[in-house]
Amino acid sequence: MGLIAIENMEFYAYHGCFREERKIGTQFIVDIFLKIPTQEAEKTDNLRKTVDYQKVYLLIKKEMEQPSNLLEHVGRRIMDAVMQAFPTVEEVKVKLSKMNPPLGGKMDRVSVTLKNC
């Protein structure tokens, strides 16, 4: 069993409950962790026996391009898209962070972490 991590993916997107967030947008960071059987890939050195990281990135990019009010909603869409595209994935954990959120004070980020199991 293996754990594939794709971390610190940066996206400029338009998620948020405030009108300004959906108009101006802000920076987001996405981390994803995929638990999959990697034995065949380890033995064969064949990309078809594992998860193609670029395809995962492109799925996440597509979901980030669709505005949502809630980080939870975006995170769920990302998990569902990955699970549908890669049936060998047994578990998905995604962390979605909004940088410089407009909450009335200084902070680096807010984040939501979701796991399918």
N, C-alpha and C. Protein backbone atom coordinates (compact mmCIF):
# COMPACT_ATOMS: atom_id res chain seq x y z
N MET A 1 0.86 -1.18 0.00
CA MET A 1 0.00 0.00 0.00
C MET A 1 0.90 1.23 0.00
N GLY A 2 0.49 2.26 -0.71
CA GLY A 2 1.26 3.49 -0.77
C GLY A 2 0.40 4.70 -0.48
N LEU A 3 1.07 5.77 -0.11
CA LEU A 3 0.40 7.04 0.11
C LEU A 3 1.05 8.07 -0.82
N ILE A 4 0.28 8.52 -1.78
CA ILE A 4 0.75 9.53 -2.72
C ILE A 4 0.29 10.89 -2.23
N ALA A 5 1.21 11.83 -2.14
CA ALA A 5 0.88 13.19 -1.69
C ALA A 5 1.25 14.18 -2.79
N ILE A 6 0.33 15.05 -3.10
CA ILE A 6 0.59 16.19 -3.99
C ILE A 6 0.28 17.41 -3.15
N GLU A 7 1.30 18.19 -2.83
CA GLU A 7 1.16 19.23 -1.82
C GLU A 7 1.46 20.62 -2.35
N ASN A 8 0.83 21.58 -1.72
CA ASN A 8 1.04 23.01 -2.00
C ASN A 8 0.71 23.41 -3.43
N MET A 9 -0.35 22.82 -3.97
CA MET A 9 -0.82 23.26 -5.29
C MET A 9 -1.48 24.63 -5.10
N GLU A 10 -1.08 25.59 -5.88
CA GLU A 10 -1.60 26.95 -5.75
C GLU A 10 -2.58 27.27 -6.87
N PHE A 11 -3.69 27.86 -6.47
CA PHE A 11 -4.73 28.25 -7.42
C PHE A 11 -5.27 29.63 -7.04
N TYR A 12 -5.57 30.42 -8.03
CA TYR A 12 -6.31 31.66 -7.81
C TYR A 12 -7.75 31.34 -8.17
N ALA A 13 -8.66 31.53 -7.20
CA ALA A 13 -10.04 31.10 -7.44
C ALA A 13 -11.01 32.06 -6.76
N TYR A 14 -12.29 31.78 -6.94
CA TYR A 14 -13.36 32.69 -6.53
C TYR A 14 -14.37 32.01 -5.61
N HIS A 15 -13.88 31.40 -4.55
CA HIS A 15 -14.74 30.74 -3.58
C HIS A 15 -14.95 31.64 -2.37
N GLY A 16 -16.17 31.63 -1.85
CA GLY A 16 -16.45 32.38 -0.64
C GLY A 16 -17.91 32.80 -0.57
N CYS A 17 -18.33 33.14 0.63
CA CYS A 17 -19.72 33.57 0.85
C CYS A 17 -19.93 35.06 0.57
N PHE A 18 -18.84 35.83 0.65
CA PHE A 18 -18.96 37.27 0.42
C PHE A 18 -18.89 37.58 -1.07
N ARG A 19 -19.70 38.54 -1.49
CA ARG A 19 -19.75 38.93 -2.90
C ARG A 19 -18.37 39.33 -3.40
N GLU A 20 -17.61 40.05 -2.57
CA GLU A 20 -16.28 40.51 -2.97
C GLU A 20 -15.34 39.34 -3.26
N GLU A 21 -15.44 38.27 -2.47
CA GLU A 21 -14.59 37.10 -2.68
C GLU A 21 -14.87 36.46 -4.03
N ARG A 22 -16.13 36.43 -4.38
CA ARG A 22 -16.51 35.79 -5.64
C ARG A 22 -16.24 36.68 -6.84
N LYS A 23 -16.05 37.98 -6.58
CA LYS A 23 -15.73 38.91 -7.66
C LYS A 23 -14.22 39.09 -7.82
N ILE A 24 -13.52 39.30 -6.72
CA ILE A 24 -12.08 39.60 -6.75
C ILE A 24 -11.24 38.33 -6.71
N GLY A 25 -11.68 37.34 -5.95
CA GLY A 25 -10.93 36.09 -5.81
C GLY A 25 -9.77 36.21 -4.84
N THR A 26 -9.12 35.09 -4.60
CA THR A 26 -7.96 35.05 -3.72
C THR A 26 -7.16 33.78 -4.00
N GLN A 27 -6.07 33.65 -3.30
CA GLN A 27 -5.17 32.51 -3.46
C GLN A 27 -5.62 31.34 -2.58
N PHE A 28 -5.54 30.13 -3.11
CA PHE A 28 -5.86 28.90 -2.40
C PHE A 28 -4.71 27.92 -2.52
N ILE A 29 -4.55 27.10 -1.50
CA ILE A 29 -3.56 26.03 -1.51
C ILE A 29 -4.30 24.72 -1.31
N VAL A 30 -3.97 23.72 -2.12
CA VAL A 30 -4.60 22.41 -2.01
C VAL A 30 -3.52 21.35 -1.79
N ASP A 31 -3.75 20.49 -0.81
CA ASP A 31 -2.93 19.31 -0.57
C ASP A 31 -3.84 18.10 -0.69
N ILE A 32 -3.35 17.06 -1.36
CA ILE A 32 -4.16 15.85 -1.48
C ILE A 32 -3.28 14.64 -1.18
N PHE A 33 -3.89 13.67 -0.50
CA PHE A 33 -3.20 12.44 -0.12
C PHE A 33 -4.06 11.27 -0.58
N LEU A 34 -3.46 10.37 -1.35
CA LEU A 34 -4.18 9.26 -1.95
C LEU A 34 -3.58 7.94 -1.48
N LYS A 35 -4.41 7.11 -0.86
CA LYS A 35 -3.95 5.79 -0.44
C LYS A 35 -4.34 4.80 -1.53
N ILE A 36 -3.31 4.15 -2.11
CA ILE A 36 -3.57 3.21 -3.19
C ILE A 36 -2.60 2.03 -3.09
N PRO A 37 -3.00 0.90 -3.67
CA PRO A 37 -2.04 -0.21 -3.76
C PRO A 37 -0.98 0.14 -4.80
N THR A 38 0.26 0.11 -4.39
CA THR A 38 1.36 0.51 -5.29
C THR A 38 2.28 -0.65 -5.68
N GLN A 39 1.96 -1.87 -5.25
CA GLN A 39 2.85 -3.00 -5.46
C GLN A 39 3.19 -3.22 -6.93
N GLU A 40 2.19 -3.16 -7.80
CA GLU A 40 2.43 -3.39 -9.24
C GLU A 40 3.31 -2.30 -9.84
N ALA A 41 3.06 -1.06 -9.47
CA ALA A 41 3.89 0.04 -9.97
C ALA A 41 5.32 -0.10 -9.47
N GLU A 42 5.47 -0.53 -8.23
CA GLU A 42 6.81 -0.73 -7.66
C GLU A 42 7.59 -1.78 -8.45
N LYS A 43 6.91 -2.84 -8.87
CA LYS A 43 7.56 -3.94 -9.58
C LYS A 43 7.79 -3.64 -11.07
N THR A 44 6.82 -2.96 -11.70
CA THR A 44 6.84 -2.84 -13.16
C THR A 44 7.36 -1.51 -13.68
N ASP A 45 7.40 -0.48 -12.83
CA ASP A 45 7.79 0.86 -13.27
C ASP A 45 6.86 1.37 -14.37
N ASN A 46 5.58 1.02 -14.27
CA ASN A 46 4.59 1.34 -15.29
C ASN A 46 3.58 2.34 -14.72
N LEU A 47 3.47 3.48 -15.36
CA LEU A 47 2.56 4.54 -14.91
C LEU A 47 1.11 4.06 -14.86
N ARG A 48 0.73 3.15 -15.72
CA ARG A 48 -0.65 2.65 -15.75
C ARG A 48 -1.01 1.85 -14.49
N LYS A 49 -0.01 1.49 -13.71
CA LYS A 49 -0.24 0.70 -12.50
C LYS A 49 -0.36 1.56 -11.24
N THR A 50 -0.43 2.87 -11.43
CA THR A 50 -0.55 3.79 -10.31
C THR A 50 -1.46 4.95 -10.72
N VAL A 51 -1.36 6.04 -10.02
CA VAL A 51 -2.16 7.24 -10.32
C VAL A 51 -1.26 8.27 -10.99
N ASP A 52 -1.71 8.79 -12.10
CA ASP A 52 -0.96 9.80 -12.84
C ASP A 52 -1.14 11.15 -12.12
N TYR A 53 -0.07 11.67 -11.53
CA TYR A 53 -0.13 12.90 -10.74
C TYR A 53 -0.65 14.08 -11.56
N GLN A 54 -0.25 14.13 -12.83
CA GLN A 54 -0.70 15.24 -13.67
C GLN A 54 -2.22 15.21 -13.86
N LYS A 55 -2.77 14.02 -14.04
CA LYS A 55 -4.22 13.92 -14.20
C LYS A 55 -4.95 14.32 -12.92
N VAL A 56 -4.37 13.96 -11.78
CA VAL A 56 -4.96 14.38 -10.50
C VAL A 56 -4.95 15.90 -10.42
N TYR A 57 -3.81 16.50 -10.73
CA TYR A 57 -3.70 17.96 -10.70
C TYR A 57 -4.74 18.62 -11.60
N LEU A 58 -4.90 18.10 -12.80
CA LEU A 58 -5.85 18.70 -13.75
C LEU A 58 -7.29 18.57 -13.25
N LEU A 59 -7.62 17.45 -12.59
CA LEU A 59 -8.96 17.31 -11.99
C LEU A 59 -9.19 18.36 -10.91
N ILE A 60 -8.17 18.55 -10.07
CA ILE A 60 -8.28 19.54 -9.00
C ILE A 60 -8.40 20.94 -9.59
N LYS A 61 -7.61 21.24 -10.58
CA LYS A 61 -7.66 22.55 -11.24
C LYS A 61 -9.07 22.82 -11.79
N LYS A 62 -9.67 21.82 -12.40
CA LYS A 62 -11.02 21.97 -12.96
C LYS A 62 -12.03 22.28 -11.85
N GLU A 63 -11.94 21.59 -10.73
CA GLU A 63 -12.86 21.85 -9.62
C GLU A 63 -12.62 23.22 -9.00
N MET A 64 -11.38 23.64 -8.93
CA MET A 64 -11.06 24.96 -8.37
C MET A 64 -11.59 26.09 -9.24
N GLU A 65 -11.78 25.84 -10.52
CA GLU A 65 -12.28 26.85 -11.44
C GLU A 65 -13.78 27.08 -11.30
N GLN A 66 -14.49 26.20 -10.60
CA GLN A 66 -15.93 26.34 -10.40
C GLN A 66 -16.19 27.00 -9.05
N PRO A 67 -16.65 28.26 -9.03
CA PRO A 67 -16.87 28.96 -7.76
C PRO A 67 -17.87 28.25 -6.85
N SER A 68 -17.59 28.29 -5.56
CA SER A 68 -18.48 27.75 -4.53
C SER A 68 -18.48 28.68 -3.34
N ASN A 69 -19.53 28.62 -2.56
CA ASN A 69 -19.57 29.40 -1.33
C ASN A 69 -18.63 28.82 -0.27
N LEU A 70 -18.59 27.50 -0.17
CA LEU A 70 -17.90 26.85 0.95
C LEU A 70 -16.70 26.02 0.51
N LEU A 71 -15.65 26.06 1.32
CA LEU A 71 -14.48 25.21 1.09
C LEU A 71 -14.88 23.73 1.19
N GLU A 72 -15.81 23.43 2.07
CA GLU A 72 -16.26 22.06 2.24
C GLU A 72 -16.84 21.51 0.93
N HIS A 73 -17.57 22.35 0.22
CA HIS A 73 -18.18 21.93 -1.05
C HIS A 73 -17.11 21.67 -2.10
N VAL A 74 -16.14 22.54 -2.20
CA VAL A 74 -15.04 22.35 -3.16
C VAL A 74 -14.27 21.08 -2.82
N GLY A 75 -13.96 20.91 -1.55
CA GLY A 75 -13.23 19.71 -1.12
C GLY A 75 -13.95 18.43 -1.45
N ARG A 76 -15.27 18.40 -1.24
CA ARG A 76 -16.07 17.22 -1.56
C ARG A 76 -16.05 16.95 -3.06
N ARG A 77 -16.17 18.01 -3.86
CA ARG A 77 -16.12 17.83 -5.32
C ARG A 77 -14.78 17.25 -5.76
N ILE A 78 -13.69 17.75 -5.16
CA ILE A 78 -12.36 17.23 -5.49
C ILE A 78 -12.27 15.74 -5.14
N MET A 79 -12.70 15.38 -3.94
CA MET A 79 -12.64 13.97 -3.54
C MET A 79 -13.47 13.09 -4.47
N ASP A 80 -14.68 13.52 -4.78
CA ASP A 80 -15.55 12.73 -5.66
C ASP A 80 -14.94 12.57 -7.04
N ALA A 81 -14.38 13.63 -7.59
CA ALA A 81 -13.78 13.57 -8.93
C ALA A 81 -12.59 12.62 -8.96
N VAL A 82 -11.76 12.67 -7.94
CA VAL A 82 -10.59 11.78 -7.89
C VAL A 82 -11.02 10.33 -7.73
N MET A 83 -11.97 10.07 -6.84
CA MET A 83 -12.44 8.70 -6.64
C MET A 83 -13.09 8.14 -7.90
N GLN A 84 -13.80 8.97 -8.62
CA GLN A 84 -14.45 8.51 -9.85
C GLN A 84 -13.43 8.24 -10.95
N ALA A 85 -12.42 9.09 -11.07
CA ALA A 85 -11.43 8.96 -12.13
C ALA A 85 -10.43 7.83 -11.87
N PHE A 86 -10.19 7.53 -10.60
CA PHE A 86 -9.17 6.55 -10.23
C PHE A 86 -9.75 5.52 -9.27
N PRO A 87 -10.36 4.47 -9.80
CA PRO A 87 -11.02 3.49 -8.95
C PRO A 87 -10.08 2.74 -8.00
N THR A 88 -8.78 2.73 -8.27
CA THR A 88 -7.85 2.03 -7.39
C THR A 88 -7.55 2.82 -6.11
N VAL A 89 -7.95 4.09 -6.07
CA VAL A 89 -7.73 4.90 -4.87
C VAL A 89 -8.67 4.40 -3.78
N GLU A 90 -8.09 4.04 -2.64
CA GLU A 90 -8.89 3.51 -1.53
C GLU A 90 -9.32 4.61 -0.55
N GLU A 91 -8.45 5.58 -0.36
CA GLU A 91 -8.77 6.69 0.54
C GLU A 91 -8.26 7.98 -0.05
N VAL A 92 -9.00 9.04 0.20
CA VAL A 92 -8.59 10.39 -0.22
C VAL A 92 -8.69 11.31 0.98
N LYS A 93 -7.66 12.10 1.17
CA LYS A 93 -7.71 13.18 2.15
C LYS A 93 -7.29 14.44 1.42
N VAL A 94 -8.11 15.48 1.53
CA VAL A 94 -7.81 16.74 0.85
C VAL A 94 -7.85 17.87 1.88
N LYS A 95 -6.86 18.74 1.80
CA LYS A 95 -6.83 19.94 2.63
C LYS A 95 -6.88 21.13 1.69
N LEU A 96 -7.86 21.99 1.90
CA LEU A 96 -8.07 23.17 1.06
C LEU A 96 -7.95 24.40 1.95
N SER A 97 -6.99 25.27 1.62
CA SER A 97 -6.72 26.46 2.42
C SER A 97 -6.99 27.72 1.62
N LYS A 98 -7.68 28.66 2.26
CA LYS A 98 -7.91 29.99 1.67
C LYS A 98 -6.93 30.94 2.33
N MET A 99 -6.10 31.57 1.53
CA MET A 99 -5.08 32.48 2.04
C MET A 99 -5.70 33.86 2.27
N ASN A 100 -5.27 34.52 3.32
CA ASN A 100 -5.72 35.88 3.67
C ASN A 100 -7.24 36.03 3.64
N PRO A 101 -7.98 35.23 4.41
CA PRO A 101 -9.44 35.32 4.37
C PRO A 101 -9.95 36.62 4.99
N PRO A 102 -11.04 37.15 4.45
CA PRO A 102 -11.58 38.42 4.94
C PRO A 102 -12.45 38.24 6.18
N LEU A 103 -11.82 37.97 7.32
CA LEU A 103 -12.57 37.71 8.55
C LEU A 103 -12.47 38.83 9.57
N GLY A 104 -11.91 39.96 9.18
CA GLY A 104 -11.86 41.09 10.08
C GLY A 104 -10.61 41.17 10.93
N GLY A 105 -9.64 40.32 10.69
CA GLY A 105 -8.39 40.35 11.43
C GLY A 105 -7.28 39.74 10.59
N LYS A 106 -6.05 39.85 11.09
CA LYS A 106 -4.91 39.34 10.34
C LYS A 106 -4.72 37.85 10.63
N MET A 107 -4.67 37.05 9.57
CA MET A 107 -4.37 35.63 9.68
C MET A 107 -3.85 35.14 8.34
N ASP A 108 -3.07 34.08 8.38
CA ASP A 108 -2.51 33.54 7.15
C ASP A 108 -3.54 32.84 6.28
N ARG A 109 -4.36 32.00 6.95
CA ARG A 109 -5.26 31.16 6.17
C ARG A 109 -6.33 30.54 7.06
N VAL A 110 -7.36 30.07 6.40
CA VAL A 110 -8.32 29.15 7.01
C VAL A 110 -8.29 27.90 6.14
N SER A 111 -8.58 26.75 6.73
CA SER A 111 -8.53 25.53 5.92
C SER A 111 -9.57 24.53 6.39
N VAL A 112 -9.90 23.64 5.47
CA VAL A 112 -10.79 22.53 5.73
C VAL A 112 -10.07 21.28 5.26
N THR A 113 -10.08 20.26 6.08
CA THR A 113 -9.52 18.97 5.71
C THR A 113 -10.64 17.94 5.72
N LEU A 114 -10.79 17.24 4.60
CA LEU A 114 -11.83 16.22 4.45
C LEU A 114 -11.18 14.90 4.11
N LYS A 115 -11.80 13.83 4.58
CA LYS A 115 -11.32 12.48 4.28
C LYS A 115 -12.53 11.62 3.95
N ASN A 116 -12.42 10.76 2.96
CA ASN A 116 -13.57 9.99 2.53
C ASN A 116 -13.90 8.80 3.42
N CYS A 117 -13.03 8.43 4.33
CA CYS A 117 -13.31 7.27 5.22
C CYS A 117 -13.38 7.70 6.66
